Amino acid sequence: MKFSELVRLLEKNGFKLVREKGSIRYYSKPGHDRLIGWTIMALKKFRPVHVVPP
């Protein structure tokens, strides 16, 4: 799965981009109290970074 496909899937399920720090993007969804962080690798593949408490 490409990062762009993941972004479409997250947005389709109600997640919004709330912060970017370098290559890491943080997404949040109403009703969830944590952020989900993803990083873009050089080959446009993705890997989960971590779930950040509020």
Protein backbone atom coordinates (compact mmCIF):
# COMPACT_ATOMS: atom_id res chain seq x y z
CA MET A 1 0.00 0.00 0.00
CA LYS A 2 1.29 3.44 -0.89
CA PHE A 3 1.18 6.32 1.55
CA SER A 4 -1.34 8.16 -0.63
CA GLU A 5 -3.66 5.14 -0.45
CA LEU A 6 -3.36 5.13 3.34
CA VAL A 7 -4.21 8.83 3.49
CA ARG A 8 -7.35 8.27 1.39
CA LEU A 9 -8.36 5.37 3.65
CA LEU A 10 -7.83 7.40 6.83
CA GLU A 11 -9.78 10.38 5.47
CA LYS A 12 -12.58 8.10 4.29
CA ASN A 13 -12.87 6.82 7.88
CA GLY A 14 -13.05 10.27 9.46
CA PHE A 15 -9.39 10.95 10.30
CA LYS A 16 -7.97 14.44 9.74
CA LEU A 17 -4.37 15.59 9.44
CA VAL A 18 -3.67 17.64 12.57
CA ARG A 19 0.12 18.08 12.56
CA GLU A 20 3.21 17.51 10.44
CA LYS A 21 6.74 17.30 11.82
CA GLY A 22 9.33 16.58 9.16
CA SER A 23 8.25 13.40 7.37
CA ILE A 24 5.87 12.37 10.18
CA ARG A 25 2.18 13.12 9.80
CA TYR A 26 -0.21 12.95 12.74
CA TYR A 27 -3.88 12.10 12.26
CA SER A 28 -6.78 12.36 14.69
CA LYS A 29 -10.45 11.41 14.65
CA PRO A 30 -13.31 12.87 16.69
CA GLY A 31 -14.04 10.57 19.60
CA HIS A 32 -10.45 9.28 19.81
CA ASP A 33 -8.17 10.79 22.43
CA ARG A 34 -4.86 9.87 20.75
CA LEU A 35 -2.97 10.90 17.63
CA ILE A 36 -1.72 8.36 15.10
CA GLY A 37 1.68 9.13 13.56
CA TRP A 38 2.99 7.85 10.21
CA THR A 39 6.25 8.52 8.41
CA ILE A 40 6.92 8.52 4.68
CA MET A 41 9.92 6.46 3.61
CA ALA A 42 12.07 7.27 0.57
CA LEU A 43 10.28 4.68 -1.60
CA LYS A 44 6.84 6.09 -0.74
CA LYS A 45 6.04 3.09 1.43
CA PHE A 46 4.87 3.77 4.95
CA ARG A 47 5.42 2.41 8.41
CA PRO A 48 3.59 3.25 11.62
CA VAL A 49 5.55 5.47 13.98
CA HIS A 50 3.57 5.47 17.20
CA VAL A 51 0.34 6.40 18.86
CA VAL A 52 0.74 9.62 20.84
CA PRO A 53 -1.24 10.24 24.02
CA PRO A 54 -2.95 13.65 24.18
